[in-house]
C-alpha atoms as a PDB file:
ATOM      1  CA  MET A   1     195.296 184.829 -51.664  1.00  0.00           C
ATOM      2  CA  ILE A   2     198.632 186.506 -50.952  1.00  0.00           C
ATOM      3  CA  TRP A   3     200.428 183.171 -51.034  1.00  0.00           C
ATOM      4  CA  ASP A   4     198.747 182.308 -54.325  1.00  0.00           C
ATOM      5  CA  LEU A   5     199.916 185.583 -55.888  1.00  0.00           C
ATOM      6  CA  LEU A   6     203.396 185.088 -54.467  1.00  0.00           C
ATOM      7  CA  LEU A   7     203.549 181.558 -55.845  1.00  0.00           C
ATOM      8  CA  LEU A   8     202.305 182.781 -59.219  1.00  0.00           C
ATOM      9  CA  GLY A   9     204.941 185.547 -59.283  1.00  0.00           C
ATOM     10  CA  VAL A  10     207.748 183.147 -58.389  1.00  0.00           C
ATOM     11  CA  THR A  11     206.556 180.706 -61.049  1.00  0.00           C
ATOM     12  CA  LEU A  12     206.434 183.419 -63.711  1.00  0.00           C
ATOM     13  CA  CYS A  13     209.918 184.656 -62.773  1.00  0.00           C
ATOM     14  CA  TYR A  14     211.222 181.104 -62.941  1.00  0.00           C
ATOM     15  CA  LEU A  15     209.648 180.502 -66.354  1.00  0.00           C
ATOM     16  CA  VAL A  16     210.953 183.813 -67.739  1.00  0.00           C
ATOM     17  CA  ASN A  17     214.439 183.087 -66.423  1.00  0.00           C
ATOM     18  CA  LEU A  18     214.254 179.547 -67.806  1.00  0.00           C
ATOM     19  CA  TYR A  19     213.225 180.873 -71.216  1.00  0.00           C
ATOM     20  CA  PHE A  20     216.004 183.451 -71.402  1.00  0.00           C
ATOM     21  CA  SER A  21     218.552 180.927 -70.124  1.00  0.00           C
ATOM     22  CA  TRP A  22     217.516 178.487 -72.833  1.00  0.00           C
ATOM     23  CA  HIS A  23     217.470 181.235 -75.443  1.00  0.00           C
ATOM     24  CA  LYS A  24     220.920 182.633 -74.617  1.00  0.00           C
ATOM     25  CA  ASN A  25     222.390 179.148 -75.086  1.00  0.00           C
ATOM     26  CA  TYR A  26     221.276 179.180 -78.722  1.00  0.00           C
ATOM     27  CA  TRP A  27     224.817 179.491 -80.073  1.00  0.00           C
ATOM     28  CA  LEU A  28     226.121 177.012 -77.505  1.00  0.00           C
ATOM     29  CA  ARG A  29     223.685 174.402 -78.789  1.00  0.00           C
ATOM     30  CA  LYS A  30     224.774 175.177 -82.359  1.00  0.00           C
ATOM     31  CA  GLY A  31     228.418 174.732 -81.405  1.00  0.00           C
ATOM     32  CA  PHE A  32     229.458 178.285 -82.326  1.00  0.00           C
ATOM     33  CA  PRO A  33     231.619 180.617 -80.243  1.00  0.00           C
ATOM     34  CA  PHE A  34     229.617 183.584 -78.966  1.00  0.00           C
ATOM     35  CA  VAL A  35     229.699 186.669 -76.782  1.00  0.00           C
ATOM     36  CA  GLU A  36     227.801 186.197 -73.516  1.00  0.00           C
ATOM     37  CA  PRO A  37     224.542 188.223 -73.722  1.00  0.00           C
ATOM     38  CA  LEU A  38     222.814 190.243 -71.026  1.00  0.00           C
ATOM     39  CA  PHE A  39     219.271 189.623 -69.858  1.00  0.00           C
ATOM     40  CA  PHE A  40     216.738 191.209 -72.246  1.00  0.00           C
ATOM     41  CA  PHE A  41     219.300 193.472 -73.994  1.00  0.00           C
ATOM     42  CA  GLY A  42     221.416 190.767 -75.549  1.00  0.00           C
ATOM     43  CA  ASN A  43     224.706 192.367 -76.624  1.00  0.00           C
ATOM     44  CA  ILE A  44     223.390 195.830 -77.516  1.00  0.00           C
ATOM     45  CA  ARG A  45     222.469 197.292 -74.129  1.00  0.00           C
ATOM     46  CA  ASP A  46     224.498 200.464 -74.690  1.00  0.00           C
ATOM     47  CA  VAL A  47     222.796 200.961 -78.061  1.00  0.00           C
ATOM     48  CA  VAL A  48     219.328 200.654 -76.513  1.00  0.00           C
ATOM     49  CA  LEU A  49     220.334 203.091 -73.759  1.00  0.00           C
ATOM     50  CA  MET A  50     221.810 205.425 -76.422  1.00  0.00           C
ATOM     51  CA  ARG A  51     225.295 205.303 -74.932  1.00  0.00           C
ATOM     52  CA  LYS A  52     226.926 203.960 -78.100  1.00  0.00           C
ATOM     53  CA  THR A  53     226.176 203.616 -81.795  1.00  0.00           C
ATOM     54  CA  ILE A  54     225.418 200.249 -83.336  1.00  0.00           C
ATOM     55  CA  GLY A  55     228.781 200.429 -85.104  1.00  0.00           C
ATOM     56  CA  GLN A  56     230.631 200.840 -81.810  1.00  0.00           C
ATOM     57  CA  ALA A  57     228.712 197.937 -80.292  1.00  0.00           C
ATOM     58  CA  TYR A  58     229.519 195.685 -83.253  1.00  0.00           C
ATOM     59  CA  LYS A  59     233.172 196.699 -83.049  1.00  0.00           C
ATOM     60  CA  GLU A  60     233.297 195.620 -79.396  1.00  0.00           C
ATOM     61  CA  ILE A  61     231.663 192.302 -80.261  1.00  0.00           C
ATOM     62  CA  TYR A  62     234.167 191.836 -83.084  1.00  0.00           C
ATOM     63  CA  GLU A  63     237.054 192.420 -80.710  1.00  0.00           C
ATOM     64  CA  LYS A  64     235.622 190.146 -77.999  1.00  0.00           C
ATOM     65  CA  LEU A  65     235.525 187.276 -80.479  1.00  0.00           C
ATOM     66  CA  GLY A  66     239.302 187.552 -80.707  1.00  0.00           C
ATOM     67  CA  SER A  67     240.970 185.396 -83.357  1.00  0.00           C
ATOM     68  CA  LYS A  68     237.883 183.268 -84.000  1.00  0.00           C
ATOM     69  CA  PRO A  69     236.786 183.234 -87.676  1.00  0.00           C
ATOM     70  CA  LEU A  70     233.143 183.795 -86.715  1.00  0.00           C
ATOM     71  CA  GLY A  71     230.934 184.108 -83.679  1.00  0.00           C
ATOM     72  CA  GLY A  72     227.419 184.670 -82.472  1.00  0.00           C
ATOM     73  CA  PHE A  73     225.765 187.429 -80.466  1.00  0.00           C
ATOM     74  CA  PHE A  74     222.262 188.682 -79.733  1.00  0.00           C
ATOM     75  CA  LYS A  75     220.480 191.813 -80.861  1.00  0.00           C
ATOM     76  CA  LEU A  76     217.936 191.843 -78.052  1.00  0.00           C
ATOM     77  CA  ARG A  77     216.537 188.291 -78.480  1.00  0.00           C
ATOM     78  CA  GLU A  78     217.526 187.849 -82.124  1.00  0.00           C
ATOM     79  CA  PRO A  79     220.590 185.630 -82.685  1.00  0.00           C
ATOM     80  CA  ILE A  80     223.093 187.158 -85.127  1.00  0.00           C
ATOM     81  CA  LEU A  81     226.131 185.471 -86.661  1.00  0.00           C
ATOM     82  CA  MET A  82     229.165 187.704 -87.262  1.00  0.00           C
ATOM     83  CA  LEU A  83     231.707 186.605 -89.874  1.00  0.00           C
ATOM     84  CA  LYS A  84     235.336 187.685 -89.481  1.00  0.00           C
ATOM     85  CA  HIS A  85     237.459 185.531 -91.761  1.00  0.00           C
ATOM     86  CA  PRO A  86     237.751 186.932 -95.324  1.00  0.00           C
ATOM     87  CA  ASP A  87     237.094 183.521 -96.895  1.00  0.00           C
ATOM     88  CA  LEU A  88     233.797 183.168 -95.020  1.00  0.00           C
ATOM     89  CA  ILE A  89     232.760 186.698 -95.939  1.00  0.00           C
ATOM     90  CA  ARG A  90     233.623 186.054 -99.589  1.00  0.00           C
ATOM     91  CA  LYS A  91     231.648 182.817 -99.538  1.00  0.00           C
ATOM     92  CA  VAL A  92     228.537 184.606 -98.273  1.00  0.00           C
ATOM     93  CA  LEU A  93     228.806 187.695-100.480  1.00  0.00           C
ATOM     94  CA  VAL A  94     229.954 185.906-103.647  1.00  0.00           C
ATOM     95  CA  ASP A  95     229.813 182.101-103.780  1.00  0.00           C
ATOM     96  CA  GLU A  96     226.643 181.503-101.751  1.00  0.00           C
ATOM     97  CA  PHE A  97     225.038 184.871-102.293  1.00  0.00           C
ATOM     98  CA  GLU A  98     221.798 183.311-103.548  1.00  0.00           C
ATOM     99  CA  SER A  99     221.131 182.124 -99.996  1.00  0.00           C
ATOM    100  CA  PHE A 100     222.054 185.403 -98.263  1.00  0.00           C
ATOM    101  CA  GLN A 101     219.974 188.165 -99.836  1.00  0.00           C
ATOM    102  CA  SER A 102     218.160 189.454 -96.767  1.00  0.00           C
ATOM    103  CA  ASN A 103     219.018 192.714 -95.029  1.00  0.00           C
ATOM    104  CA  ASP A 104     219.120 193.518 -91.345  1.00  0.00           C
ATOM    105  CA  ILE A 105     217.502 196.902 -92.039  1.00  0.00           C
ATOM    106  CA  HIS A 106     213.994 196.874 -93.484  1.00  0.00           C
ATOM    107  CA  VAL A 107     212.506 199.882 -95.251  1.00  0.00           C
ATOM    108  CA  ARG A 108     208.908 200.161 -96.378  1.00  0.00           C
ATOM    109  CA  ARG A 109     208.891 201.066-100.063  1.00  0.00           C
ATOM    110  CA  ASP A 110     205.537 202.835 -99.818  1.00  0.00           C
ATOM    111  CA  ALA A 111     206.770 204.919 -96.869  1.00  0.00           C
ATOM    112  CA  ASN A 112     210.146 205.896 -98.340  1.00  0.00           C
ATOM    113  CA  PRO A 113     210.625 204.869-101.992  1.00  0.00           C
ATOM    114  CA  LEU A 114     213.870 206.826-102.356  1.00  0.00           C
ATOM    115  CA  LEU A 115     215.530 205.216 -99.354  1.00  0.00           C
ATOM    116  CA  LYS A 116     214.467 201.830-100.688  1.00  0.00           C
ATOM    117  CA  LEU A 117     216.721 202.459-103.718  1.00  0.00           C
ATOM    118  CA  ASN A 118     219.790 202.599-101.493  1.00  0.00           C
ATOM    119  CA  PRO A 119     221.804 199.419-102.292  1.00  0.00           C
ATOM    120  CA  LEU A 120     222.855 199.152 -98.640  1.00  0.00           C
ATOM    121  CA  LEU A 121     219.207 198.847 -97.584  1.00  0.00           C
ATOM    122  CA  ALA A 122     217.923 196.620-100.381  1.00  0.00           C
ATOM    123  CA  SER A 123     217.214 192.910-100.021  1.00  0.00           C
ATOM    124  CA  GLY A 124     216.083 189.934-102.051  1.00  0.00           C
ATOM    125  CA  ALA A 125     215.704 190.308-105.799  1.00  0.00           C
ATOM    126  CA  LYS A 126     216.204 194.078-105.565  1.00  0.00           C
ATOM    127  CA  TRP A 127     219.575 193.592-103.884  1.00  0.00           C
ATOM    128  CA  ARG A 128     220.566 191.051-106.557  1.00  0.00           C
ATOM    129  CA  SER A 129     219.899 193.509-109.366  1.00  0.00           C
ATOM    130  CA  MET A 130     221.709 196.316-107.546  1.00  0.00           C
ATOM    131  CA  LYS A 131     224.675 194.058-106.782  1.00  0.00           C
ATOM    132  CA  SER A 132     225.074 193.153-110.453  1.00  0.00           C
ATOM    133  CA  LEU A 133     224.980 196.861-111.266  1.00  0.00           C
ATOM    134  CA  TRP A 134     227.526 197.944-108.638  1.00  0.00           C
ATOM    135  CA  SER A 135     229.914 194.978-108.564  1.00  0.00           C
ATOM    136  CA  PRO A 136     231.927 195.930-111.695  1.00  0.00           C
ATOM    137  CA  HIS A 137     232.838 199.251-110.076  1.00  0.00           C
ATOM    138  CA  TRP A 138     234.391 197.632-107.011  1.00  0.00           C
ATOM    139  CA  ASP A 139     237.478 196.281-108.725  1.00  0.00           C
ATOM    140  CA  LYS A 140     240.964 196.287-107.288  1.00  0.00           C
ATOM    141  CA  ALA A 141     241.882 199.561-108.962  1.00  0.00           C
ATOM    142  CA  LEU A 142     239.024 201.385-107.270  1.00  0.00           C
ATOM    143  CA  VAL A 143     239.549 199.757-103.907  1.00  0.00           C
ATOM    144  CA  SER A 144     243.230 200.728-104.021  1.00  0.00           C
ATOM    145  CA  GLN A 145     242.154 204.366-104.135  1.00  0.00           C
ATOM    146  CA  SER A 146     241.205 204.050-100.482  1.00  0.00           C
ATOM    147  CA  THR A 147     244.861 204.888 -99.821  1.00  0.00           C
ATOM    148  CA  MET A 148     244.018 208.432-100.913  1.00  0.00           C
ATOM    149  CA  VAL A 149     241.433 208.678 -98.154  1.00  0.00           C
ATOM    150  CA  ARG A 150     243.954 207.285 -95.690  1.00  0.00           C
ATOM    151  CA  ASN A 151     246.526 209.895 -96.742  1.00  0.00           C
ATOM    152  CA  VAL A 152     244.046 212.712 -96.141  1.00  0.00           C
ATOM    153  CA  SER A 153     243.192 211.178 -92.760  1.00  0.00           C
ATOM    154  CA  GLN A 154     246.861 211.168 -91.811  1.00  0.00           C
ATOM    155  CA  LYS A 155     247.152 214.837 -92.777  1.00  0.00           C
ATOM    156  CA  MET A 156     244.141 215.663 -90.630  1.00  0.00           C
ATOM    157  CA  VAL A 157     245.624 213.795 -87.659  1.00  0.00           C
ATOM    158  CA  SER A 158     248.909 215.663 -88.155  1.00  0.00           C
ATOM    159  CA  PHE A 159     247.017 218.957 -88.254  1.00  0.00           C
ATOM    160  CA  LEU A 160     245.096 218.152 -85.066  1.00  0.00           C
ATOM    161  CA  LYS A 161     248.313 217.282 -83.254  1.00  0.00           C
ATOM    162  CA  SER A 162     249.856 220.601 -84.319  1.00  0.00           C
ATOM    163  CA  THR A 163     246.996 222.638 -82.834  1.00  0.00           C
ATOM    164  CA  SER A 164     248.136 221.847 -79.274  1.00  0.00           C
ATOM    165  CA  GLY A 165     244.640 221.815 -77.789  1.00  0.00           C
ATOM    166  CA  GLU A 166     243.435 224.976 -79.540  1.00  0.00           C
ATOM    167  CA  TYR A 167     239.753 225.492 -80.341  1.00  0.00           C
ATOM    168  CA  ILE A 168     238.769 223.869 -83.640  1.00  0.00           C
ATOM    169  CA  GLU A 169     235.388 224.174 -85.313  1.00  0.00           C
ATOM    170  CA  GLY A 170     234.199 220.676 -86.168  1.00  0.00           C
ATOM    171  CA  LYS A 171     232.157 221.772 -89.173  1.00  0.00           C
ATOM    172  CA  GLU A 172     235.116 223.569 -90.731  1.00  0.00           C
ATOM    173  CA  LEU A 173     237.413 220.613 -90.072  1.00  0.00           C
ATOM    174  CA  SER A 174     234.938 218.270 -91.756  1.00  0.00           C
ATOM    175  CA  ARG A 175     234.734 220.533 -94.796  1.00  0.00           C
ATOM    176  CA  LYS A 176     238.499 220.519 -95.185  1.00  0.00           C
ATOM    177  CA  PHE A 177     238.594 216.751 -94.943  1.00  0.00           C
ATOM    178  CA  VAL A 178     235.820 216.262 -97.507  1.00  0.00           C
ATOM    179  CA  SER A 179     237.353 218.805 -99.897  1.00  0.00           C
ATOM    180  CA  ASP A 180     240.727 217.065 -99.774  1.00  0.00           C
ATOM    181  CA  VAL A 181     239.203 213.616-100.289  1.00  0.00           C
ATOM    182  CA  ILE A 182     237.097 214.733-103.254  1.00  0.00           C
ATOM    183  CA  ALA A 183     239.989 216.586-104.886  1.00  0.00           C
ATOM    184  CA  SER A 184     242.388 213.679-104.403  1.00  0.00           C
ATOM    185  CA  TRP A 185     239.971 210.935-105.405  1.00  0.00           C
ATOM    186  CA  ALA A 186     237.999 212.606-108.185  1.00  0.00           C
ATOM    187  CA  ILE A 187     240.515 214.855-109.962  1.00  0.00           C
ATOM    188  CA  GLY A 188     243.880 213.695-108.618  1.00  0.00           C
ATOM    189  CA  VAL A 189     244.876 216.941-106.887  1.00  0.00           C
ATOM    190  CA  GLU A 190     246.377 217.065-103.391  1.00  0.00           C
ATOM    191  CA  LEU A 191     245.135 220.174-101.610  1.00  0.00           C
ATOM    192  CA  ASP A 192     246.185 219.836 -97.965  1.00  0.00           C
ATOM    193  CA  SER A 193     243.584 222.449 -97.080  1.00  0.00           C
ATOM    194  CA  PHE A 194     244.314 221.827 -93.403  1.00  0.00           C
ATOM    195  CA  HIS A 195     247.469 223.909 -93.801  1.00  0.00           C
ATOM    196  CA  ASN A 196     246.392 225.815 -96.946  1.00  0.00           C
ATOM    197  CA  PRO A 197     242.759 226.804 -96.350  1.00  0.00           C
ATOM    198  CA  ASN A 198     242.651 229.386 -99.159  1.00  0.00           C
ATOM    199  CA  VAL A 199     243.235 227.089-102.134  1.00  0.00           C
ATOM    200  CA  ALA A 200     240.894 227.803-105.048  1.00  0.00           C
ATOM    201  CA  PHE A 201     239.231 224.370-105.081  1.00  0.00           C
ATOM    202  CA  ARG A 202     238.195 224.644-101.470  1.00  0.00           C
ATOM    203  CA  ILE A 203     236.897 228.179-101.871  1.00  0.00           C
ATOM    204  CA  MET A 204     234.718 227.050-104.783  1.00  0.00           C
ATOM    205  CA  SER A 205     233.471 224.006-102.862  1.00  0.00           C
ATOM    206  CA  ASP A 206     232.563 226.244 -99.907  1.00  0.00           C
ATOM    207  CA  ARG A 207     230.481 228.400-102.211  1.00  0.00           C
ATOM    208  CA  ILE A 208     228.530 225.315-103.214  1.00  0.00           C
ATOM    209  CA  VAL A 209     228.132 223.963 -99.684  1.00  0.00           C
ATOM    210  CA  ASN A 210     227.316 227.248 -97.929  1.00  0.00           C
ATOM    211  CA  ARG A 211     223.591 227.748 -97.639  1.00  0.00           C
ATOM    212  CA  ASN A 212     222.098 230.676 -99.433  1.00  0.00           C
ATOM    213  CA  PHE A 213     219.099 231.244-101.635  1.00  0.00           C
ATOM    214  CA  LYS A 214     220.989 230.592-104.869  1.00  0.00           C
ATOM    215  CA  SER A 215     222.634 227.330-103.810  1.00  0.00           C
ATOM    216  CA  THR A 216     219.470 226.064-102.107  1.00  0.00           C
ATOM    217  CA  SER A 217     217.409 226.766-105.216  1.00  0.00           C
ATOM    218  CA  LEU A 218     219.973 225.005-107.415  1.00  0.00           C
ATOM    219  CA  PHE A 219     220.099 221.871-105.278  1.00  0.00           C
ATOM    220  CA  SER A 220     216.309 221.815-104.943  1.00  0.00           C
ATOM    221  CA  TRP A 221     215.986 221.939-108.722  1.00  0.00           C
ATOM    222  CA  LEU A 222     218.570 219.184-109.260  1.00  0.00           C
ATOM    223  CA  PHE A 223     216.932 217.051-106.585  1.00  0.00           C
ATOM    224  CA  THR A 224     213.530 217.505-108.216  1.00  0.00           C
ATOM    225  CA  LEU A 225     214.962 216.419-111.567  1.00  0.00           C
ATOM    226  CA  ARG A 226     216.514 213.345-109.951  1.00  0.00           C
ATOM    227  CA  ILE A 227     213.207 212.341-108.362  1.00  0.00           C
ATOM    228  CA  TYR A 228     211.499 212.731-111.732  1.00  0.00           C
ATOM    229  CA  GLN A 229     214.116 210.488-113.388  1.00  0.00           C
ATOM    230  CA  ILE A 230     213.741 207.811-110.711  1.00  0.00           C
ATOM    231  CA  TYR A 231     209.971 207.715-110.937  1.00  0.00           C
ATOM    232  CA  SER A 232     210.052 207.811-114.741  1.00  0.00           C
ATOM    233  CA  ASN A 233     212.447 204.854-114.893  1.00  0.00           C
ATOM    234  CA  SER A 234     210.580 202.877-112.241  1.00  0.00           C
ATOM    235  CA  GLY A 235     207.288 203.412-114.016  1.00  0.00           C
END
């Protein structure tokens, strides 16, 4: 009896190992470069163990692929193809978009109808309609405005270096960054609230962001109106 159980256990282990060995060679059989996966976890072990975010894991995979234009990896047992070369990305998102409408993140519309309206989470026909709506806004002029965000980021880095290890409140630092980005991008005003925290624009934005009964009531009312508009249009 013991030998039978032992033989059964060894056989099961062999079959499981054989299956995972065959499965991890998926990209090898396809002829694609890939990042070597780990047993069970694939290439997202640190994400499963909550050591890193999915973005950090993808960044590491991107870097491990080196100069290759594309490469495969595994999200647990699911094979995923990562594109790196701009021409390949353009071909998927523009030229051959009809064949690539699915989304890696799935949201149940009945469980969260508002989140389903997020263009980053949409798929299929819904994503097609949202893409046609958003695409005109992503022209070169708008994309070039990302330099404004980069300039604010450089100011924040300069400010952090000047603090010489002093205590900094993360929430306050984030508010300064957001205020500067909004002012620079939306109304064309450079605040530099990292070194000038008492500028009028930032004071007014703090009044909006700070939680109190008045601001909470205002945002609740605006949010209610927005929900009503969404449901009215969808109906």
